[in-house]
Structures are given as structure tokens and as C-alpha cells.
């Protein structure tokens, strides 16, 4: 009788383990499909012409990269709160305010602005094709210069602020995320050992081994390229700037 009961317990335990494994597999499949859906929206936004093979390849590629950088969940959460978008004038005012709070010796110099260029589409081994991306983003290039009391230059940082002012706020968010993924892809080959995820900066942020860092917040992407002299102060500026952006959203919405 004891042997029969032990057999029943063993069989029941095996059944429970198998059920758990099946449930885990189903859960992973559901999660993967959700990731594909989120990425498809980001990858295709703004492109009138579709290359389905390239699109599928890119989505699979980013799912693999997400295992390392974990950007899909922050993107999804940010898109659910598509409730506010910044204008270029606001962002520049907040950046200047952040500089003043960080150090009185910091100066901002405008270098120029440009619209995003058409994108080269093509899987490895195929002829790239230029496809127009209807992205409303404009990239604004600035220099942040650190000086001493005598106005001598101590160091400088290049900063590229990309702002998407599309009237469709959700689309502005998606295209900003698209721009960040393209930045990662062109920075170095993916998966990216030379890029690591940062915390507490924007919706999502990454830092490269050559001291540059990029983050997105709402419809804005900020790309900072400091030298070793400006590395520490650039991070201070970034966190102060992020706080100013968040305060602006809070004051406008509440």
C-alpha cells in the first residue's frame, strides 16, 4: 500500500513539473509575441514602403539584443503614457537652466540643426536601397563649454538633441525610440559589448565604453559625447537636465 501511494505521489509530482514547464513555455511564447508586436510598431513607423524580410530580420535581431539591454519594457511603459511632447524652445530653455544649476561656468554654443537623412535598407549580402523615412525629428547640435573664472576653456562636450514634434504624440515617441535603436545599431555591431544599460536617466539610457551616453525621454533623445575631462560633469548635467524635463511635464499635466 505504501509503495502504491509513493508511486501516485511520484506520478503526481512529475505531472505538476510537466505542467509547470508547459505553462512556462506558453508564458515565454506570449512574452515573445508581445515583444514582436512592440518592436514592429517601432521599426515600421514612418516608413511608407515595407521590406518584410528586412523587417522580420530586424525584429528578431532586437529581441536578441533586448536580452542584454532590456529596452522593450521601458519603451512599452513609456508609450502607454504618451501624454506630453516637448517643443524645441522648451528643451533648450530647460537645458540652459540645467547648465546654470550645475555650474555657473558652463556655456552653451549652437553648432547647427539638420533633419534626419533617408535610411539605407538592406540585409547583409543584398544591395542597400534608400528608403525615405517620414520622421519629423530634427537634430540640434550644441557644445557645452566649461571655463574658469578668467573665461579660459577647461573642456567641452558635444551634445546632440533630437526632438520629434509630430502632432501625433504616440508616433513621436515611437520614432524617438526608432532613432535610439538605429543609434545603437550604427554605433557598433549588436549584440553590443561596448554599450551597457544605465539607470535613473530618462525612459531608457545606455553608456558606451568611449564615455558617450544616450537617453530618451518622451519625444526627445539626447546624445552626449564628452571627453575624459568632461565625463563626470556631463553626467551631472544630464541628471539635472532630466530632472528639469520631468518637472516641466509634471507642472504642465497636473
C-alpha atoms as a PDB file:
ATOM      1  CA  UNK A   1       0.000   0.000   0.000  1.00  0.00           C
ATOM      2  CA  UNK A   2       2.855   2.358   0.885  1.00  0.00           C
ATOM      3  CA  UNK A   3       4.530   1.545  -2.435  1.00  0.00           C
ATOM      4  CA  UNK A   4       1.323   2.379  -4.357  1.00  0.00           C
ATOM      5  CA  UNK A   5       0.926   5.700  -2.522  1.00  0.00           C
ATOM      6  CA  UNK A   6       4.554   6.620  -3.225  1.00  0.00           C
ATOM      7  CA  UNK A   7       4.036   5.776  -6.897  1.00  0.00           C
ATOM      8  CA  UNK A   8       0.963   8.018  -7.025  1.00  0.00           C
ATOM      9  CA  UNK A   9       2.889  10.854  -5.376  1.00  0.00           C
ATOM     10  CA  UNK A  10       5.773  10.399  -7.828  1.00  0.00           C
ATOM     11  CA  UNK A  11       3.437  10.405 -10.850  1.00  0.00           C
ATOM     12  CA  UNK A  12       1.581  13.447  -9.494  1.00  0.00           C
ATOM     13  CA  UNK A  13       4.896  15.287  -8.939  1.00  0.00           C
ATOM     14  CA  UNK A  14       6.005  14.531 -12.499  1.00  0.00           C
ATOM     15  CA  UNK A  15       2.654  15.774 -13.806  1.00  0.00           C
ATOM     16  CA  UNK A  16       2.980  19.019 -11.815  1.00  0.00           C
ATOM     17  CA  UNK A  17       6.534  19.595 -13.073  1.00  0.00           C
ATOM     18  CA  UNK A  18       5.490  18.943 -16.687  1.00  0.00           C
ATOM     19  CA  UNK A  19       2.506  21.281 -16.330  1.00  0.00           C
ATOM     20  CA  UNK A  20       4.780  23.983 -14.918  1.00  0.00           C
ATOM     21  CA  UNK A  21       7.226  23.574 -17.800  1.00  0.00           C
ATOM     22  CA  UNK A  22       4.405  23.775 -20.358  1.00  0.00           C
ATOM     23  CA  UNK A  23       2.987  26.862 -18.633  1.00  0.00           C
ATOM     24  CA  UNK A  24       6.464  28.460 -18.605  1.00  0.00           C
ATOM     25  CA  UNK A  25       6.894  27.748 -22.326  1.00  0.00           C
ATOM     26  CA  UNK A  26       3.486  29.261 -23.083  1.00  0.00           C
ATOM     27  CA  UNK A  27       4.380  32.292 -20.967  1.00  0.00           C
ATOM     28  CA  UNK A  28       7.653  32.771 -22.855  1.00  0.00           C
ATOM     29  CA  UNK A  29       5.867  32.463 -26.205  1.00  0.00           C
ATOM     30  CA  UNK A  30       3.283  35.065 -25.176  1.00  0.00           C
ATOM     31  CA  UNK A  31       6.038  37.398 -23.950  1.00  0.00           C
ATOM     32  CA  UNK A  32       7.995  36.959 -27.188  1.00  0.00           C
ATOM     33  CA  UNK A  33       4.924  37.697 -29.318  1.00  0.00           C
ATOM     34  CA  UNK A  34       4.261  40.819 -27.256  1.00  0.00           C
ATOM     35  CA  UNK A  35       7.859  41.939 -27.801  1.00  0.00           C
ATOM     36  CA  UNK A  36       7.492  41.368 -31.548  1.00  0.00           C
ATOM     37  CA  UNK A  37       4.326  43.486 -31.592  1.00  0.00           C
ATOM     38  CA  UNK A  38       6.012  46.355 -29.744  1.00  0.00           C
ATOM     39  CA  UNK A  39       9.111  46.243 -31.960  1.00  0.00           C
ATOM     40  CA  UNK A  40       7.103  46.008 -35.181  1.00  0.00           C
ATOM     41  CA  UNK A  41       5.367  49.271 -34.284  1.00  0.00           C
ATOM     42  CA  UNK A  42       8.731  50.972 -33.630  1.00  0.00           C
ATOM     43  CA  UNK A  43      10.606  49.520 -36.621  1.00  0.00           C
ATOM     44  CA  UNK A  44       7.907  50.333 -39.204  1.00  0.00           C
ATOM     45  CA  UNK A  45       6.683  53.758 -38.041  1.00  0.00           C
ATOM     46  CA  UNK A  46       7.389  56.458 -40.620  1.00  0.00           C
ATOM     47  CA  UNK A  47       8.219  54.072 -43.485  1.00  0.00           C
ATOM     48  CA  UNK A  48       5.668  54.046 -46.299  1.00  0.00           C
ATOM     49  CA  UNK A  49       7.461  51.263 -48.175  1.00  0.00           C
ATOM     50  CA  UNK A  50       7.999  47.951 -46.382  1.00  0.00           C
ATOM     51  CA  UNK A  51      10.696  45.341 -46.837  1.00  0.00           C
ATOM     52  CA  UNK A  52       9.108  42.437 -44.950  1.00  0.00           C
ATOM     53  CA  UNK A  53      12.243  40.271 -44.926  1.00  0.00           C
ATOM     54  CA  UNK A  54      14.313  43.113 -43.511  1.00  0.00           C
ATOM     55  CA  UNK A  55      11.577  43.962 -41.032  1.00  0.00           C
ATOM     56  CA  UNK A  56      11.411  40.363 -39.729  1.00  0.00           C
ATOM     57  CA  UNK A  57      15.194  40.153 -39.504  1.00  0.00           C
ATOM     58  CA  UNK A  58      15.403  43.410 -37.566  1.00  0.00           C
ATOM     59  CA  UNK A  59      12.682  42.413 -35.088  1.00  0.00           C
ATOM     60  CA  UNK A  60      14.370  39.066 -34.369  1.00  0.00           C
ATOM     61  CA  UNK A  61      17.663  40.896 -34.023  1.00  0.00           C
ATOM     62  CA  UNK A  62      16.325  43.393 -31.489  1.00  0.00           C
ATOM     63  CA  UNK A  63      14.648  40.654 -29.436  1.00  0.00           C
ATOM     64  CA  UNK A  64      18.087  39.054 -29.048  1.00  0.00           C
ATOM     65  CA  UNK A  65      19.619  42.392 -28.100  1.00  0.00           C
ATOM     66  CA  UNK A  66      16.833  43.015 -25.569  1.00  0.00           C
ATOM     67  CA  UNK A  67      18.146  40.056 -23.576  1.00  0.00           C
ATOM     68  CA  UNK A  68      21.241  42.181 -22.929  1.00  0.00           C
ATOM     69  CA  UNK A  69      19.979  45.768 -22.847  1.00  0.00           C
ATOM     70  CA  UNK A  70      16.313  45.265 -21.802  1.00  0.00           C
ATOM     71  CA  UNK A  71      14.819  48.250 -23.596  1.00  0.00           C
ATOM     72  CA  UNK A  72      11.466  46.836 -24.762  1.00  0.00           C
ATOM     73  CA  UNK A  73       9.688  47.022 -21.390  1.00  0.00           C
ATOM     74  CA  UNK A  74      10.667  50.692 -20.749  1.00  0.00           C
ATOM     75  CA  UNK A  75       9.555  51.544 -24.305  1.00  0.00           C
ATOM     76  CA  UNK A  76       6.192  49.837 -23.776  1.00  0.00           C
ATOM     77  CA  UNK A  77       5.625  51.566 -20.432  1.00  0.00           C
ATOM     78  CA  UNK A  78       6.620  54.939 -21.882  1.00  0.00           C
ATOM     79  CA  UNK A  79       4.281  54.560 -24.866  1.00  0.00           C
ATOM     80  CA  UNK A  80       1.340  53.835 -22.583  1.00  0.00           C
ATOM     81  CA  UNK A  81       1.922  57.321 -21.129  1.00  0.00           C
ATOM     82  CA  UNK A  82       2.008  59.173 -24.455  1.00  0.00           C
ATOM     83  CA  UNK A  83       0.571  62.253 -22.785  1.00  0.00           C
ATOM     84  CA  UNK A  84       3.090  65.042 -23.421  1.00  0.00           C
ATOM     85  CA  UNK A  85       5.587  66.157 -26.049  1.00  0.00           C
ATOM     86  CA  UNK A  86       8.294  68.817 -25.855  1.00  0.00           C
ATOM     87  CA  UNK A  87       8.949  71.651 -28.281  1.00  0.00           C
ATOM     88  CA  UNK A  88      12.439  72.674 -29.275  1.00  0.00           C
ATOM     89  CA  UNK A  89      12.270  76.022 -27.472  1.00  0.00           C
ATOM     90  CA  UNK A  90      11.218  74.338 -24.216  1.00  0.00           C
ATOM     91  CA  UNK A  91      14.037  71.821 -24.355  1.00  0.00           C
ATOM     92  CA  UNK A  92      16.677  74.468 -24.963  1.00  0.00           C
ATOM     93  CA  UNK A  93      15.374  76.627 -22.102  1.00  0.00           C
ATOM     94  CA  UNK A  94      15.472  73.626 -19.765  1.00  0.00           C
ATOM     95  CA  UNK A  95      18.989  72.686 -20.913  1.00  0.00           C
ATOM     96  CA  UNK A  96      20.235  76.215 -20.204  1.00  0.00           C
ATOM     97  CA  UNK A  97      18.543  76.096 -16.802  1.00  0.00           C
ATOM     98  CA  UNK A  98      20.219  72.748 -16.066  1.00  0.00           C
ATOM     99  CA  UNK A  99      23.636  74.169 -17.021  1.00  0.00           C
ATOM    100  CA  UNK A 100      23.187  77.153 -14.705  1.00  0.00           C
ATOM    101  CA  UNK A 101      22.229  74.860 -11.823  1.00  0.00           C
ATOM    102  CA  UNK A 102      25.167  72.538 -12.449  1.00  0.00           C
ATOM    103  CA  UNK A 103      27.962  75.111 -12.760  1.00  0.00           C
ATOM    104  CA  UNK A 104      27.913  78.868 -13.431  1.00  0.00           C
ATOM    105  CA  UNK A 105      30.985  78.484 -15.671  1.00  0.00           C
ATOM    106  CA  UNK A 106      29.179  76.348 -18.254  1.00  0.00           C
ATOM    107  CA  UNK A 107      28.278  77.895 -21.607  1.00  0.00           C
ATOM    108  CA  UNK A 108      26.084  76.613 -24.443  1.00  0.00           C
ATOM    109  CA  UNK A 109      27.071  77.187 -28.076  1.00  0.00           C
ATOM    110  CA  UNK A 110      24.812  76.326 -31.012  1.00  0.00           C
ATOM    111  CA  UNK A 111      26.537  74.383 -33.813  1.00  0.00           C
ATOM    112  CA  UNK A 112      23.633  73.721 -36.208  1.00  0.00           C
ATOM    113  CA  UNK A 113      20.493  71.697 -36.914  1.00  0.00           C
ATOM    114  CA  UNK A 114      19.519  69.103 -39.508  1.00  0.00           C
ATOM    115  CA  UNK A 115      16.686  66.759 -40.377  1.00  0.00           C
ATOM    116  CA  UNK A 116      17.123  63.012 -40.371  1.00  0.00           C
ATOM    117  CA  UNK A 117      18.500  61.566 -43.588  1.00  0.00           C
ATOM    118  CA  UNK A 118      16.877  58.809 -45.685  1.00  0.00           C
ATOM    119  CA  UNK A 119      17.751  55.338 -44.427  1.00  0.00           C
ATOM    120  CA  UNK A 120      19.729  52.625 -46.226  1.00  0.00           C
ATOM    121  CA  UNK A 121      17.707  49.412 -46.078  1.00  0.00           C
ATOM    122  CA  UNK A 122      19.193  46.007 -46.909  1.00  0.00           C
ATOM    123  CA  UNK A 123      20.045  42.706 -45.282  1.00  0.00           C
ATOM    124  CA  UNK A 124      23.695  41.621 -45.283  1.00  0.00           C
ATOM    125  CA  UNK A 125      24.581  40.367 -48.758  1.00  0.00           C
ATOM    126  CA  UNK A 126      21.911  42.381 -50.551  1.00  0.00           C
ATOM    127  CA  UNK A 127      22.142  45.723 -52.309  1.00  0.00           C
ATOM    128  CA  UNK A 128      21.064  48.528 -49.905  1.00  0.00           C
ATOM    129  CA  UNK A 129      18.110  50.596 -51.015  1.00  0.00           C
ATOM    130  CA  UNK A 130      17.497  54.197 -49.944  1.00  0.00           C
ATOM    131  CA  UNK A 131      14.051  54.489 -48.395  1.00  0.00           C
ATOM    132  CA  UNK A 132      12.586  57.751 -47.192  1.00  0.00           C
ATOM    133  CA  UNK A 133      11.677  57.740 -43.523  1.00  0.00           C
ATOM    134  CA  UNK A 134       8.966  60.286 -42.768  1.00  0.00           C
ATOM    135  CA  UNK A 135      10.382  61.116 -39.358  1.00  0.00           C
ATOM    136  CA  UNK A 136       9.573  64.587 -38.039  1.00  0.00           C
ATOM    137  CA  UNK A 137      12.677  64.700 -35.859  1.00  0.00           C
ATOM    138  CA  UNK A 138      15.285  67.468 -36.088  1.00  0.00           C
ATOM    139  CA  UNK A 139      18.776  67.021 -34.624  1.00  0.00           C
ATOM    140  CA  UNK A 140      20.155  70.094 -32.834  1.00  0.00           C
ATOM    141  CA  UNK A 141      23.924  70.136 -32.298  1.00  0.00           C
ATOM    142  CA  UNK A 142      25.418  72.103 -29.374  1.00  0.00           C
ATOM    143  CA  UNK A 143      28.673  72.407 -27.499  1.00  0.00           C
ATOM    144  CA  UNK A 144      28.770  72.697 -23.717  1.00  0.00           C
ATOM    145  CA  UNK A 145      31.925  74.559 -22.736  1.00  0.00           C
ATOM    146  CA  UNK A 146      33.453  74.631 -19.249  1.00  0.00           C
ATOM    147  CA  UNK A 147      35.519  77.717 -18.339  1.00  0.00           C
ATOM    148  CA  UNK A 148      37.388  79.051 -15.318  1.00  0.00           C
ATOM    149  CA  UNK A 149      36.940  82.431 -13.620  1.00  0.00           C
ATOM    150  CA  UNK A 150      39.094  84.069 -16.308  1.00  0.00           C
ATOM    151  CA  UNK A 151      36.973  82.596 -19.111  1.00  0.00           C
ATOM    152  CA  UNK A 152      39.696  80.146 -20.144  1.00  0.00           C
ATOM    153  CA  UNK A 153      38.299  76.956 -21.671  1.00  0.00           C
ATOM    154  CA  UNK A 154      38.822  73.889 -19.462  1.00  0.00           C
ATOM    155  CA  UNK A 155      36.926  71.364 -21.576  1.00  0.00           C
ATOM    156  CA  UNK A 156      33.945  70.901 -23.829  1.00  0.00           C
ATOM    157  CA  UNK A 157      31.233  68.381 -24.586  1.00  0.00           C
ATOM    158  CA  UNK A 158      29.293  67.802 -27.783  1.00  0.00           C
ATOM    159  CA  UNK A 159      25.580  67.250 -27.285  1.00  0.00           C
ATOM    160  CA  UNK A 160      23.041  66.280 -29.958  1.00  0.00           C
ATOM    161  CA  UNK A 161      19.406  66.844 -29.003  1.00  0.00           C
ATOM    162  CA  UNK A 162      16.901  65.123 -31.306  1.00  0.00           C
ATOM    163  CA  UNK A 163      13.333  66.392 -30.951  1.00  0.00           C
ATOM    164  CA  UNK A 164      10.331  64.914 -32.749  1.00  0.00           C
ATOM    165  CA  UNK A 165       7.484  67.448 -32.843  1.00  0.00           C
ATOM    166  CA  UNK A 166       4.952  65.269 -34.680  1.00  0.00           C
ATOM    167  CA  UNK A 167       1.359  66.253 -33.878  1.00  0.00           C
ATOM    168  CA  UNK A 168       0.727  62.566 -33.189  1.00  0.00           C
ATOM    169  CA  UNK A 169       2.348  62.196 -29.750  1.00  0.00           C
ATOM    170  CA  UNK A 170       2.422  58.391 -29.829  1.00  0.00           C
ATOM    171  CA  UNK A 171       4.147  58.481 -33.220  1.00  0.00           C
ATOM    172  CA  UNK A 172       6.677  60.998 -31.890  1.00  0.00           C
ATOM    173  CA  UNK A 173       7.530  58.578 -29.074  1.00  0.00           C
ATOM    174  CA  UNK A 174       7.841  55.607 -31.445  1.00  0.00           C
ATOM    175  CA  UNK A 175      10.094  57.478 -33.865  1.00  0.00           C
ATOM    176  CA  UNK A 176      12.292  58.635 -30.983  1.00  0.00           C
ATOM    177  CA  UNK A 177      12.667  55.000 -29.902  1.00  0.00           C
ATOM    178  CA  UNK A 178      13.393  54.057 -33.511  1.00  0.00           C
ATOM    179  CA  UNK A 179      16.135  56.666 -33.632  1.00  0.00           C
ATOM    180  CA  UNK A 180      17.736  55.282 -30.463  1.00  0.00           C
ATOM    181  CA  UNK A 181      17.739  51.717 -31.823  1.00  0.00           C
ATOM    182  CA  UNK A 182      19.328  52.961 -35.049  1.00  0.00           C
ATOM    183  CA  UNK A 183      21.953  54.804 -32.994  1.00  0.00           C
ATOM    184  CA  UNK A 184      22.812  51.581 -31.192  1.00  0.00           C
ATOM    185  CA  UNK A 185      22.966  49.661 -34.446  1.00  0.00           C
ATOM    186  CA  UNK A 186      25.300  52.161 -36.138  1.00  0.00           C
ATOM    187  CA  UNK A 187      27.489  52.660 -33.061  1.00  0.00           C
ATOM    188  CA  UNK A 188      28.821  49.117 -33.156  1.00  0.00           C
ATOM    189  CA  UNK A 189      27.694  45.632 -34.026  1.00  0.00           C
ATOM    190  CA  UNK A 190      24.894  44.119 -31.982  1.00  0.00           C
ATOM    191  CA  UNK A 191      24.800  42.440 -29.510  1.00  0.00           C
ATOM    192  CA  UNK A 192      26.888  45.238 -28.067  1.00  0.00           C
ATOM    193  CA  UNK A 193      29.653  44.514 -25.567  1.00  0.00           C
ATOM    194  CA  UNK A 194      30.770  48.159 -25.862  1.00  0.00           C
ATOM    195  CA  UNK A 195      27.419  49.523 -24.631  1.00  0.00           C
ATOM    196  CA  UNK A 196      25.787  48.966 -21.268  1.00  0.00           C
ATOM    197  CA  UNK A 197      22.460  49.991 -19.829  1.00  0.00           C
ATOM    198  CA  UNK A 198      22.351  52.970 -17.476  1.00  0.00           C
ATOM    199  CA  UNK A 199      19.856  53.573 -14.666  1.00  0.00           C
ATOM    200  CA  UNK A 200      17.911  56.607 -13.468  1.00  0.00           C
ATOM    201  CA  UNK A 201      18.155  58.621 -16.664  1.00  0.00           C
ATOM    202  CA  UNK A 202      15.171  59.129 -18.959  1.00  0.00           C
ATOM    203  CA  UNK A 203      12.895  56.358 -20.175  1.00  0.00           C
ATOM    204  CA  UNK A 204      15.933  54.364 -21.283  1.00  0.00           C
ATOM    205  CA  UNK A 205      19.644  55.128 -21.375  1.00  0.00           C
ATOM    206  CA  UNK A 206      22.921  53.499 -22.398  1.00  0.00           C
ATOM    207  CA  UNK A 207      26.583  54.346 -21.910  1.00  0.00           C
ATOM    208  CA  UNK A 208      29.370  53.456 -24.328  1.00  0.00           C
ATOM    209  CA  UNK A 209      32.927  52.468 -23.445  1.00  0.00           C
ATOM    210  CA  UNK A 210      34.247  55.676 -25.058  1.00  0.00           C
ATOM    211  CA  UNK A 211      32.404  57.737 -22.392  1.00  0.00           C
ATOM    212  CA  UNK A 212      29.468  58.830 -24.540  1.00  0.00           C
ATOM    213  CA  UNK A 213      25.915  58.194 -23.400  1.00  0.00           C
ATOM    214  CA  UNK A 214      22.445  58.456 -24.891  1.00  0.00           C
ATOM    215  CA  UNK A 215      18.992  58.571 -23.386  1.00  0.00           C
ATOM    216  CA  UNK A 216      15.420  59.175 -24.471  1.00  0.00           C
ATOM    217  CA  UNK A 217      12.550  60.798 -22.628  1.00  0.00           C
ATOM    218  CA  UNK A 218       9.144  61.314 -24.222  1.00  0.00           C
ATOM    219  CA  UNK A 219       9.809  62.710 -27.746  1.00  0.00           C
ATOM    220  CA  UNK A 220      13.419  63.744 -27.017  1.00  0.00           C
ATOM    221  CA  UNK A 221      16.703  61.877 -27.483  1.00  0.00           C
ATOM    222  CA  UNK A 222      19.927  63.273 -26.028  1.00  0.00           C
ATOM    223  CA  UNK A 223      23.326  62.080 -27.245  1.00  0.00           C
ATOM    224  CA  UNK A 224      26.277  63.321 -25.156  1.00  0.00           C
ATOM    225  CA  UNK A 225      29.858  62.817 -26.346  1.00  0.00           C
ATOM    226  CA  UNK A 226      32.221  64.048 -23.626  1.00  0.00           C
ATOM    227  CA  UNK A 227      35.992  63.739 -23.420  1.00  0.00           C
ATOM    228  CA  UNK A 228      37.633  62.392 -20.275  1.00  0.00           C
ATOM    229  CA  UNK A 229      37.879  65.895 -18.761  1.00  0.00           C
ATOM    230  CA  UNK A 230      34.121  66.448 -19.034  1.00  0.00           C
ATOM    231  CA  UNK A 231      32.915  62.922 -18.268  1.00  0.00           C
ATOM    232  CA  UNK A 232      31.871  63.462 -14.654  1.00  0.00           C
ATOM    233  CA  UNK A 233      30.338  66.907 -15.137  1.00  0.00           C
ATOM    234  CA  UNK A 234      28.478  65.688 -18.243  1.00  0.00           C
ATOM    235  CA  UNK A 235      26.672  63.117 -16.109  1.00  0.00           C
ATOM    236  CA  UNK A 236      25.788  65.808 -13.564  1.00  0.00           C
ATOM    237  CA  UNK A 237      24.379  67.975 -16.361  1.00  0.00           C
ATOM    238  CA  UNK A 238      22.420  65.011 -17.735  1.00  0.00           C
ATOM    239  CA  UNK A 239      20.750  64.208 -14.416  1.00  0.00           C
ATOM    240  CA  UNK A 240      19.941  67.868 -13.741  1.00  0.00           C
ATOM    241  CA  UNK A 241      18.576  68.225 -17.281  1.00  0.00           C
ATOM    242  CA  UNK A 242      16.449  65.101 -16.855  1.00  0.00           C
ATOM    243  CA  UNK A 243      15.018  66.474 -13.626  1.00  0.00           C
ATOM    244  CA  UNK A 244      14.104  69.741 -15.372  1.00  0.00           C
ATOM    245  CA  UNK A 245      12.328  67.799 -18.150  1.00  0.00           C
ATOM    246  CA  UNK A 246      10.388  65.747 -15.603  1.00  0.00           C
ATOM    247  CA  UNK A 247       9.446  68.851 -13.609  1.00  0.00           C
ATOM    248  CA  UNK A 248       8.168  70.500 -16.784  1.00  0.00           C
ATOM    249  CA  UNK A 249       5.921  67.543 -17.611  1.00  0.00           C
ATOM    250  CA  UNK A 250       4.605  67.398 -14.061  1.00  0.00           C
ATOM    251  CA  UNK A 251       3.809  71.125 -13.969  1.00  0.00           C
ATOM    252  CA  UNK A 252       2.061  71.035 -17.366  1.00  0.00           C
ATOM    253  CA  UNK A 253      -0.047  67.936 -16.746  1.00  0.00           C
ATOM    254  CA  UNK A 254      -1.010  68.487 -13.084  1.00  0.00           C
END
